[in-house]
Amino acid sequence: MDAERMTEFSVYLADRPGELAAVLAAASSAGVHMQAVAVAGMNGRGLVRLIGQPTETLRETLDRLNESGVGPIVETEVVAVSTAERPNAFRDVAERFATENVNILHAYMAPGTNSTGTPNGRPDAPIPAQPPRCIFRVEDVEKAVETIAALA
């Protein structure tokens, strides 16, 4: 089982139609390929968690949106665990984290892709195929990565 450190952006949105669509459209127009999106409501606001590539382009896009009133935006490191060919991987990881006292702050699934197309027709930025993954935000990223390595 592979673990990868990734950057997740938590974006707080006004609770009104079109907010999520505007963020995703801006990212797509900038050439960002979304690898994971999780959406929830929180205290009368929308909360969207995004992982995309290239990370720097997503960061710059979100910074511009923040200047126009979207946000706040919080950047954190998360652990992405490949679940390809492993039934119950989410449960296995959660149980191992519990055993090793790794506290999970939030978690969600990211679908895999089998496409190797290009975002917005940009031949300089191919999209690699990605396996499905569990995304975990934890208190101790290093310990989480070590714990996943021991599951392999």
Protein backbone atom coordinates (compact mmCIF):
# COMPACT_ATOMS: atom_id res chain seq x y z
CA MET A 1 0.00 0.00 0.00
CA ASP A 2 1.49 3.33 -1.07
CA ALA A 3 1.23 6.57 0.89
CA GLU A 4 1.87 9.95 -0.70
CA ARG A 5 2.03 13.35 0.96
CA MET A 6 -0.19 15.83 -0.84
CA THR A 7 -1.36 19.40 -0.40
CA GLU A 8 -5.03 19.93 0.37
CA PHE A 9 -6.75 23.30 0.17
CA SER A 10 -9.82 23.89 2.34
CA VAL A 11 -11.90 26.69 0.85
CA TYR A 12 -14.75 28.26 2.80
CA LEU A 13 -17.54 29.50 0.55
CA ALA A 14 -20.67 31.56 0.92
CA ASP A 15 -23.75 29.33 1.13
CA ARG A 16 -25.30 30.29 -2.22
CA PRO A 17 -25.67 28.78 -5.68
CA GLY A 18 -22.67 28.94 -7.98
CA GLU A 19 -19.89 29.29 -5.39
CA LEU A 20 -18.48 25.80 -5.87
CA ALA A 21 -18.90 25.97 -9.65
CA ALA A 22 -16.94 29.24 -9.76
CA VAL A 23 -14.00 27.78 -7.82
CA LEU A 24 -13.87 24.64 -9.96
CA ALA A 25 -14.20 26.65 -13.18
CA ALA A 26 -11.34 28.96 -12.18
CA ALA A 27 -9.12 25.98 -11.38
CA SER A 28 -9.99 24.26 -14.65
CA SER A 29 -9.37 27.43 -16.68
CA ALA A 30 -5.93 27.66 -15.06
CA GLY A 31 -5.12 24.11 -16.19
CA VAL A 32 -5.52 22.39 -12.82
CA HIS A 33 -6.52 18.72 -12.85
CA MET A 34 -8.62 17.97 -9.77
CA GLN A 35 -7.59 14.73 -8.09
CA ALA A 36 -9.92 14.95 -5.09
CA VAL A 37 -12.90 17.09 -4.12
CA ALA A 38 -14.91 16.82 -0.91
CA VAL A 39 -17.78 19.19 -0.10
CA ALA A 40 -19.61 19.80 3.18
CA GLY A 41 -21.63 22.44 4.93
CA MET A 42 -20.25 23.98 8.10
CA ASN A 43 -21.74 26.71 10.27
CA GLY A 44 -23.88 28.13 7.45
CA ARG A 45 -21.00 28.12 4.96
CA GLY A 46 -19.78 25.73 2.33
CA LEU A 47 -16.48 23.95 2.83
CA VAL A 48 -14.73 22.39 -0.14
CA ARG A 49 -11.49 20.44 0.17
CA LEU A 50 -9.42 20.31 -3.02
CA ILE A 51 -6.37 18.41 -4.17
CA GLY A 52 -5.17 19.23 -7.66
CA GLN A 53 -2.16 19.25 -9.94
CA PRO A 54 -0.15 21.26 -10.51
CA THR A 55 -0.31 22.28 -6.85
CA GLU A 56 1.35 25.65 -7.40
CA THR A 57 -1.17 26.59 -10.09
CA LEU A 58 -4.05 25.64 -7.80
CA ARG A 59 -2.48 27.69 -4.98
CA GLU A 60 -2.12 30.74 -7.25
CA THR A 61 -5.69 30.37 -8.52
CA LEU A 62 -7.08 30.15 -4.99
CA ASP A 63 -4.97 33.14 -3.91
CA ARG A 64 -6.56 35.22 -6.69
CA LEU A 65 -10.03 34.04 -5.65
CA ASN A 66 -9.23 34.88 -2.04
CA GLU A 67 -8.35 38.44 -3.08
CA SER A 68 -11.83 38.71 -4.65
CA GLY A 69 -13.59 37.58 -1.47
CA VAL A 70 -13.59 33.77 -1.55
CA GLY A 71 -12.35 32.14 1.60
CA PRO A 72 -10.69 31.92 3.95
CA ILE A 73 -8.46 29.29 2.37
CA VAL A 74 -6.40 26.91 4.49
CA GLU A 75 -3.53 24.83 3.08
CA THR A 76 -2.60 21.58 4.84
CA GLU A 77 -0.57 18.45 4.22
CA VAL A 78 -2.55 15.23 3.90
CA VAL A 79 -1.71 11.59 3.28
CA ALA A 80 -3.13 9.88 0.19
CA VAL A 81 -3.23 6.09 0.33
CA SER A 82 -3.73 4.03 -2.82
CA THR A 83 -6.63 1.60 -2.52
CA ALA A 84 -6.20 -0.10 -5.89
CA GLU A 85 -6.77 -3.82 -5.71
CA ARG A 86 -7.30 -3.75 -1.94
CA PRO A 87 -10.88 -4.24 -0.73
CA ASN A 88 -11.60 -2.57 2.62
CA ALA A 89 -8.47 -0.43 2.41
CA PHE A 90 -10.17 2.54 4.09
CA ARG A 91 -11.13 0.36 7.06
CA ASP A 92 -7.68 -1.26 7.19
CA VAL A 93 -5.94 2.10 7.35
CA ALA A 94 -8.38 3.53 9.91
CA GLU A 95 -7.90 0.47 12.14
CA ARG A 96 -4.11 0.62 11.86
CA PHE A 97 -4.12 4.35 12.62
CA ALA A 98 -6.22 3.62 15.72
CA THR A 99 -3.79 0.91 16.83
CA GLU A 100 -0.81 3.24 16.31
CA ASN A 101 -2.56 6.24 17.94
CA VAL A 102 -2.61 8.31 14.75
CA ASN A 103 -5.50 10.76 15.11
CA ILE A 104 -7.58 11.26 11.95
CA LEU A 105 -8.93 14.82 11.68
CA HIS A 106 -10.91 14.12 8.50
CA ALA A 107 -10.91 11.59 5.68
CA TYR A 108 -12.57 11.01 2.31
CA MET A 109 -12.22 8.98 -0.88
CA ALA A 110 -10.76 10.24 -4.16
CA PRO A 111 -11.80 8.39 -7.30
CA GLY A 112 -9.16 6.99 -9.57
CA THR A 113 -8.76 7.97 -13.20
CA ASN A 114 -7.81 5.79 -16.12
CA SER A 115 -7.48 8.69 -18.54
CA THR A 116 -4.17 10.07 -19.66
CA GLY A 117 -5.66 13.02 -21.52
CA THR A 118 -4.58 16.60 -21.17
CA PRO A 119 -6.29 19.34 -19.18
CA ASN A 120 -7.86 21.96 -21.43
CA GLY A 121 -6.03 20.49 -24.43
CA ARG A 122 -2.61 21.43 -23.06
CA PRO A 123 -0.14 18.89 -24.51
CA ASP A 124 2.56 20.13 -22.10
CA ALA A 125 0.55 18.95 -19.07
CA PRO A 126 -0.54 15.32 -19.46
CA ILE A 127 -2.79 13.84 -16.79
CA PRO A 128 -1.33 10.60 -15.44
CA ALA A 129 -3.69 7.79 -14.55
CA GLN A 130 -4.36 7.71 -10.80
CA PRO A 131 -5.57 4.82 -8.62
CA PRO A 132 -8.46 5.40 -6.23
CA ARG A 133 -7.17 6.77 -2.94
CA CYS A 134 -8.17 7.42 0.65
CA ILE A 135 -7.26 10.93 1.75
CA PHE A 136 -6.44 11.41 5.44
CA ARG A 137 -5.71 14.59 7.34
CA VAL A 138 -3.95 13.50 10.49
CA GLU A 139 -2.21 15.17 13.41
CA ASP A 140 1.13 13.45 12.74
CA VAL A 141 1.83 13.04 9.00
CA GLU A 142 5.23 11.39 9.48
CA LYS A 143 3.81 8.74 11.81
CA ALA A 144 0.92 8.16 9.38
CA VAL A 145 3.29 7.57 6.46
CA GLU A 146 5.38 5.15 8.54
CA THR A 147 2.21 3.32 9.64
CA ILE A 148 1.06 2.90 6.02
CA ALA A 149 4.48 1.61 4.98
CA ALA A 150 4.16 -1.12 7.63
CA LEU A 151 0.81 -2.23 6.11
CA ALA A 152 2.37 -3.11 2.75
